[in-house]
C-alpha atoms as a PDB file:
ATOM      1  CA  MET A   1      10.012   3.447 -26.728  1.00  0.00           C
ATOM      2  CA  ASN A   2      12.029   2.966 -23.561  1.00  0.00           C
ATOM      3  CA  ALA A   3      14.820   0.453 -24.316  1.00  0.00           C
ATOM      4  CA  SER A   4      14.332  -1.224 -20.926  1.00  0.00           C
ATOM      5  CA  ARG A   5      10.650  -1.970 -21.623  1.00  0.00           C
ATOM      6  CA  TYR A   6       8.832  -4.356 -23.903  1.00  0.00           C
ATOM      7  CA  THR A   7       6.863  -2.961 -26.811  1.00  0.00           C
ATOM      8  CA  GLY A   8       3.180  -2.199 -26.405  1.00  0.00           C
ATOM      9  CA  LEU A   9       2.225  -5.189 -28.554  1.00  0.00           C
ATOM     10  CA  ALA A  10       4.385  -7.538 -26.495  1.00  0.00           C
ATOM     11  CA  ILE A  11       2.817  -6.194 -23.299  1.00  0.00           C
ATOM     12  CA  TRP A  12      -0.723  -6.666 -24.630  1.00  0.00           C
ATOM     13  CA  LEU A  13       0.018 -10.192 -25.844  1.00  0.00           C
ATOM     14  CA  HIS A  14       1.668 -11.093 -22.535  1.00  0.00           C
ATOM     15  CA  TRP A  15      -1.285  -9.936 -20.452  1.00  0.00           C
ATOM     16  CA  LEU A  16      -3.967 -11.352 -22.762  1.00  0.00           C
ATOM     17  CA  VAL A  17      -2.277 -14.766 -22.592  1.00  0.00           C
ATOM     18  CA  ALA A  18      -1.877 -14.428 -18.804  1.00  0.00           C
ATOM     19  CA  VAL A  19      -5.535 -13.516 -18.287  1.00  0.00           C
ATOM     20  CA  GLY A  20      -6.611 -16.372 -20.582  1.00  0.00           C
ATOM     21  CA  ILE A  21      -4.553 -18.841 -18.581  1.00  0.00           C
ATOM     22  CA  VAL A  22      -5.884 -17.573 -15.231  1.00  0.00           C
ATOM     23  CA  VAL A  23      -9.512 -17.724 -16.416  1.00  0.00           C
ATOM     24  CA  ASN A  24      -9.009 -21.220 -17.831  1.00  0.00           C
ATOM     25  CA  VAL A  25      -7.411 -22.451 -14.620  1.00  0.00           C
ATOM     26  CA  PHE A  26     -10.319 -20.973 -12.666  1.00  0.00           C
ATOM     27  CA  LEU A  27     -12.863 -22.660 -14.961  1.00  0.00           C
ATOM     28  CA  ALA A  28     -11.125 -26.029 -14.778  1.00  0.00           C
ATOM     29  CA  LEU A  29     -10.874 -25.897 -10.987  1.00  0.00           C
ATOM     30  CA  THR A  30     -14.491 -24.835 -10.446  1.00  0.00           C
ATOM     31  CA  TRP A  31     -16.738 -26.478 -13.046  1.00  0.00           C
ATOM     32  CA  ASP A  32     -17.218 -29.549 -10.851  1.00  0.00           C
ATOM     33  CA  PHE A  33     -19.176 -27.257  -8.507  1.00  0.00           C
ATOM     34  CA  TYR A  34     -21.473 -25.813 -11.204  1.00  0.00           C
ATOM     35  CA  PRO A  35     -25.058 -26.937 -11.718  1.00  0.00           C
ATOM     36  CA  ASP A  36     -25.272 -29.632 -14.391  1.00  0.00           C
ATOM     37  CA  ALA A  37     -26.691 -27.223 -16.978  1.00  0.00           C
ATOM     38  CA  SER A  38     -23.679 -24.909 -16.571  1.00  0.00           C
ATOM     39  CA  ILE A  39     -20.872 -27.458 -16.867  1.00  0.00           C
ATOM     40  CA  ARG A  40     -20.901 -27.890 -20.663  1.00  0.00           C
ATOM     41  CA  PRO A  41     -21.008 -24.091 -21.299  1.00  0.00           C
ATOM     42  CA  ALA A  42     -18.052 -23.677 -18.903  1.00  0.00           C
ATOM     43  CA  ILE A  43     -16.106 -26.395 -20.712  1.00  0.00           C
ATOM     44  CA  ASN A  44     -16.934 -24.796 -24.075  1.00  0.00           C
ATOM     45  CA  LEU A  45     -15.729 -21.420 -22.778  1.00  0.00           C
ATOM     46  CA  HIS A  46     -12.555 -23.134 -21.537  1.00  0.00           C
ATOM     47  CA  LYS A  47     -11.980 -24.567 -25.032  1.00  0.00           C
ATOM     48  CA  SER A  48     -12.596 -21.190 -26.685  1.00  0.00           C
ATOM     49  CA  ILE A  49     -10.180 -19.446 -24.373  1.00  0.00           C
ATOM     50  CA  GLY A  50      -7.610 -22.216 -24.893  1.00  0.00           C
ATOM     51  CA  ILE A  51      -7.733 -21.854 -28.685  1.00  0.00           C
ATOM     52  CA  THR A  52      -7.531 -18.068 -28.301  1.00  0.00           C
ATOM     53  CA  VAL A  53      -4.481 -18.448 -26.049  1.00  0.00           C
ATOM     54  CA  LEU A  54      -2.919 -20.677 -28.709  1.00  0.00           C
ATOM     55  CA  GLY A  55      -3.415 -17.966 -31.347  1.00  0.00           C
ATOM     56  CA  LEU A  56      -2.137 -15.219 -29.048  1.00  0.00           C
ATOM     57  CA  ALA A  57       0.869 -17.340 -28.068  1.00  0.00           C
ATOM     58  CA  LEU A  58       1.671 -17.863 -31.733  1.00  0.00           C
ATOM     59  CA  LEU A  59       1.573 -14.087 -32.274  1.00  0.00           C
ATOM     60  CA  ARG A  60       3.734 -13.608 -29.155  1.00  0.00           C
ATOM     61  CA  LEU A  61       6.282 -16.130 -30.439  1.00  0.00           C
ATOM     62  CA  LEU A  62       6.377 -14.450 -33.853  1.00  0.00           C
ATOM     63  CA  TRP A  63       6.935 -11.111 -32.131  1.00  0.00           C
ATOM     64  CA  ARG A  64       9.687 -12.619 -29.978  1.00  0.00           C
ATOM     65  CA  LEU A  65      11.453 -14.141 -33.008  1.00  0.00           C
ATOM     66  CA  THR A  66      11.454 -10.795 -34.804  1.00  0.00           C
ATOM     67  CA  HIS A  67      12.190  -8.433 -31.897  1.00  0.00           C
ATOM     68  CA  THR A  68      15.000  -8.408 -29.391  1.00  0.00           C
ATOM     69  CA  PRO A  69      13.555  -8.165 -25.888  1.00  0.00           C
ATOM     70  CA  PRO A  70      14.916  -5.499 -23.586  1.00  0.00           C
ATOM     71  CA  ALA A  71      18.035  -6.464 -21.675  1.00  0.00           C
ATOM     72  CA  LEU A  72      17.619  -7.561 -18.099  1.00  0.00           C
ATOM     73  CA  PRO A  73      18.466  -4.872 -15.554  1.00  0.00           C
ATOM     74  CA  MET A  74      21.994  -4.823 -14.175  1.00  0.00           C
ATOM     75  CA  GLY A  75      22.702  -6.838 -11.069  1.00  0.00           C
ATOM     76  CA  TYR A  76      21.164 -10.180 -11.948  1.00  0.00           C
ATOM     77  CA  GLN A  77      23.182 -13.161 -10.826  1.00  0.00           C
ATOM     78  CA  LYS A  78      24.192 -15.631 -13.548  1.00  0.00           C
ATOM     79  CA  TRP A  79      21.908 -18.327 -12.099  1.00  0.00           C
ATOM     80  CA  GLU A  80      18.994 -15.856 -12.082  1.00  0.00           C
ATOM     81  CA  MET A  81      19.496 -15.080 -15.769  1.00  0.00           C
ATOM     82  CA  GLN A  82      19.724 -18.778 -16.595  1.00  0.00           C
ATOM     83  CA  LEU A  83      16.628 -19.619 -14.538  1.00  0.00           C
ATOM     84  CA  SER A  84      14.753 -16.748 -16.177  1.00  0.00           C
ATOM     85  CA  HIS A  85      15.703 -17.960 -19.640  1.00  0.00           C
ATOM     86  CA  VAL A  86      14.788 -21.599 -18.908  1.00  0.00           C
ATOM     87  CA  THR A  87      11.493 -20.560 -17.297  1.00  0.00           C
ATOM     88  CA  HIS A  88      10.544 -18.420 -20.309  1.00  0.00           C
ATOM     89  CA  VAL A  89      11.389 -21.186 -22.792  1.00  0.00           C
ATOM     90  CA  LEU A  90       9.375 -23.690 -20.761  1.00  0.00           C
ATOM     91  CA  LEU A  91       6.476 -21.222 -20.473  1.00  0.00           C
ATOM     92  CA  TYR A  92       6.397 -20.872 -24.263  1.00  0.00           C
ATOM     93  CA  LEU A  93       6.448 -24.650 -24.689  1.00  0.00           C
ATOM     94  CA  ILE A  94       3.719 -25.278 -22.140  1.00  0.00           C
ATOM     95  CA  ILE A  95       1.545 -22.432 -23.432  1.00  0.00           C
ATOM     96  CA  PHE A  96       1.534 -24.258 -26.763  1.00  0.00           C
ATOM     97  CA  ALA A  97       1.251 -27.740 -25.223  1.00  0.00           C
ATOM     98  CA  MET A  98      -1.824 -26.934 -23.133  1.00  0.00           C
ATOM     99  CA  PRO A  99      -4.191 -25.945 -25.963  1.00  0.00           C
ATOM    100  CA  LEU A 100      -2.760 -28.524 -28.361  1.00  0.00           C
ATOM    101  CA  THR A 101      -3.253 -31.400 -25.927  1.00  0.00           C
ATOM    102  CA  GLY A 102      -6.730 -30.064 -25.174  1.00  0.00           C
ATOM    103  CA  TRP A 103      -7.588 -29.814 -28.887  1.00  0.00           C
ATOM    104  CA  ILE A 104      -6.391 -33.367 -29.505  1.00  0.00           C
ATOM    105  CA  MET A 105      -8.281 -34.648 -26.462  1.00  0.00           C
ATOM    106  CA  ASP A 106     -11.426 -32.800 -27.582  1.00  0.00           C
ATOM    107  CA  SER A 107     -11.109 -34.171 -31.120  1.00  0.00           C
ATOM    108  CA  ALA A 108     -11.005 -37.690 -29.636  1.00  0.00           C
ATOM    109  CA  TRP A 109     -14.036 -37.086 -27.401  1.00  0.00           C
ATOM    110  CA  GLU A 110     -16.628 -39.773 -28.085  1.00  0.00           C
ATOM    111  CA  LYS A 111     -19.387 -37.168 -28.515  1.00  0.00           C
ATOM    112  CA  ALA A 112     -17.353 -34.760 -30.676  1.00  0.00           C
ATOM    113  CA  ALA A 113     -19.218 -35.598 -33.900  1.00  0.00           C
ATOM    114  CA  GLU A 114     -22.615 -34.675 -32.467  1.00  0.00           C
ATOM    115  CA  ASN A 115     -21.338 -31.637 -30.502  1.00  0.00           C
ATOM    116  CA  PRO A 116     -19.589 -29.189 -32.833  1.00  0.00           C
ATOM    117  CA  MET A 117     -17.183 -26.808 -31.156  1.00  0.00           C
ATOM    118  CA  PHE A 118     -17.855 -23.086 -31.552  1.00  0.00           C
ATOM    119  CA  LEU A 119     -15.397 -20.411 -30.486  1.00  0.00           C
ATOM    120  CA  PHE A 120     -17.305 -18.294 -27.994  1.00  0.00           C
ATOM    121  CA  GLY A 121     -20.516 -19.752 -29.408  1.00  0.00           C
ATOM    122  CA  ALA A 122     -20.049 -17.941 -32.718  1.00  0.00           C
ATOM    123  CA  VAL A 123     -17.517 -19.474 -35.100  1.00  0.00           C
ATOM    124  CA  GLU A 124     -17.219 -23.215 -35.617  1.00  0.00           C
ATOM    125  CA  TRP A 125     -13.746 -24.468 -34.789  1.00  0.00           C
ATOM    126  CA  PRO A 126     -12.684 -27.643 -36.595  1.00  0.00           C
ATOM    127  CA  ARG A 127     -11.743 -30.712 -34.734  1.00  0.00           C
ATOM    128  CA  LEU A 128      -8.827 -32.789 -35.981  1.00  0.00           C
ATOM    129  CA  GLY A 129     -10.438 -35.037 -38.596  1.00  0.00           C
ATOM    130  CA  PHE A 130      -7.768 -37.718 -38.589  1.00  0.00           C
ATOM    131  CA  ILE A 131      -8.371 -38.209 -34.869  1.00  0.00           C
ATOM    132  CA  MET A 132     -12.155 -38.179 -35.202  1.00  0.00           C
ATOM    133  CA  ALA A 133     -11.826 -40.857 -37.906  1.00  0.00           C
ATOM    134  CA  MET A 134     -10.012 -43.291 -35.607  1.00  0.00           C
ATOM    135  CA  ASP A 135     -11.732 -46.427 -34.414  1.00  0.00           C
ATOM    136  CA  PRO A 136     -13.524 -45.978 -31.064  1.00  0.00           C
ATOM    137  CA  GLU A 137     -10.963 -47.905 -29.014  1.00  0.00           C
ATOM    138  CA  THR A 138      -8.004 -45.934 -30.393  1.00  0.00           C
ATOM    139  CA  LYS A 139      -9.917 -42.698 -30.045  1.00  0.00           C
ATOM    140  CA  LYS A 140     -10.627 -43.442 -26.372  1.00  0.00           C
ATOM    141  CA  ALA A 141      -6.936 -44.177 -25.780  1.00  0.00           C
ATOM    142  CA  VAL A 142      -5.997 -40.894 -27.490  1.00  0.00           C
ATOM    143  CA  HIS A 143      -8.642 -39.017 -25.490  1.00  0.00           C
ATOM    144  CA  ASP A 144      -7.489 -40.477 -22.186  1.00  0.00           C
ATOM    145  CA  GLY A 145      -3.762 -40.156 -22.939  1.00  0.00           C
ATOM    146  CA  PHE A 146      -3.986 -36.559 -24.076  1.00  0.00           C
ATOM    147  CA  GLY A 147      -6.353 -35.812 -21.204  1.00  0.00           C
ATOM    148  CA  ASP A 148      -3.664 -37.052 -18.818  1.00  0.00           C
ATOM    149  CA  ALA A 149      -1.038 -34.994 -20.685  1.00  0.00           C
ATOM    150  CA  HIS A 150      -3.291 -31.925 -20.482  1.00  0.00           C
ATOM    151  CA  GLU A 151      -3.646 -32.409 -16.729  1.00  0.00           C
ATOM    152  CA  ILE A 152       0.098 -32.907 -16.195  1.00  0.00           C
ATOM    153  CA  ALA A 153       0.771 -29.822 -18.313  1.00  0.00           C
ATOM    154  CA  ALA A 154      -1.608 -27.889 -16.054  1.00  0.00           C
ATOM    155  CA  TYR A 155       0.553 -28.695 -13.019  1.00  0.00           C
ATOM    156  CA  ILE A 156       3.626 -27.615 -14.952  1.00  0.00           C
ATOM    157  CA  VAL A 157       1.848 -24.344 -15.822  1.00  0.00           C
ATOM    158  CA  TYR A 158       1.163 -23.740 -12.122  1.00  0.00           C
ATOM    159  CA  MET A 159       4.831 -24.298 -11.285  1.00  0.00           C
ATOM    160  CA  LEU A 160       6.177 -22.137 -14.124  1.00  0.00           C
ATOM    161  CA  VAL A 161       3.751 -19.289 -13.520  1.00  0.00           C
ATOM    162  CA  PHE A 162       4.690 -19.387  -9.837  1.00  0.00           C
ATOM    163  CA  LEU A 163       8.417 -19.176 -10.722  1.00  0.00           C
ATOM    164  CA  HIS A 164       7.767 -16.396 -13.239  1.00  0.00           C
ATOM    165  CA  VAL A 165       5.693 -14.293 -10.836  1.00  0.00           C
ATOM    166  CA  ALA A 166       7.942 -15.008  -7.832  1.00  0.00           C
ATOM    167  CA  GLY A 167      11.021 -13.952  -9.804  1.00  0.00           C
ATOM    168  CA  ALA A 168       9.397 -10.730 -10.980  1.00  0.00           C
ATOM    169  CA  LEU A 169       8.199  -9.880  -7.466  1.00  0.00           C
ATOM    170  CA  LYS A 170      11.600 -10.707  -5.948  1.00  0.00           C
ATOM    171  CA  HIS A 171      13.367  -8.353  -8.325  1.00  0.00           C
ATOM    172  CA  GLN A 172      10.748  -5.642  -7.897  1.00  0.00           C
ATOM    173  CA  PHE A 173      10.426  -5.628  -4.132  1.00  0.00           C
ATOM    174  CA  LEU A 174      13.504  -7.292  -2.636  1.00  0.00           C
ATOM    175  CA  ASP A 175      16.101  -6.139  -5.165  1.00  0.00           C
ATOM    176  CA  LYS A 176      14.356  -2.764  -5.711  1.00  0.00           C
ATOM    177  CA  GLN A 177      14.564  -3.042  -9.516  1.00  0.00           C
ATOM    178  CA  ARG A 178      11.846  -1.718 -11.814  1.00  0.00           C
ATOM    179  CA  GLN A 179      11.041  -5.217 -13.031  1.00  0.00           C
ATOM    180  CA  LEU A 180       7.255  -5.007 -13.231  1.00  0.00           C
ATOM    181  CA  GLN A 181       7.361  -1.742 -15.193  1.00  0.00           C
ATOM    182  CA  ARG A 182       9.116  -3.564 -18.069  1.00  0.00           C
ATOM    183  CA  MET A 183       5.932  -5.523 -18.823  1.00  0.00           C
ATOM    184  CA  TRP A 184       3.226  -3.150 -17.599  1.00  0.00           C
ATOM    185  CA  PHE A 185       1.197  -0.515 -19.385  1.00  0.00           C
ATOM    186  CA  ASN A 186       2.506   3.066 -19.093  1.00  0.00           C
ATOM    187  CA  GLY A 187       5.360   1.986 -16.859  1.00  0.00           C
END
């Protein structure tokens, strides 16, 4: 293992989470344009991917807590290291917040009881029973509030992913550091 690179597991988890986020953003931005019969399957796929991202993010966090990441290459300015650290912490937080707010919102959906949620159409995923048991007015408030939080979190994801990618590309191409190879396969 090259000391300047992440482990294979960390790389796989990173890219699986990244692909899940990109696909979910694409679904959320496009399902308004789908034929009516395709909207609910797209939303269900979005939910399945979101729960999968939550599980992968949990594995990624466990890996991160038990493994020291490779040191940043020499030459980073202090502000760049601080911004990188803050961005990564915020990415972890938002990667957990997105599926959790979605799960809460989905559990408070007025039609949740008659529409069970299945991960990728195969395995039933439980909704949060204490939320489903709320009175209709409270449940609607929870649904709407967590829906708003989910949407705000989406904008934060866009910003953080932009910062993350822009920083990596800056170091790779402007600073001529092998930044991308640290988190790429066979780098």
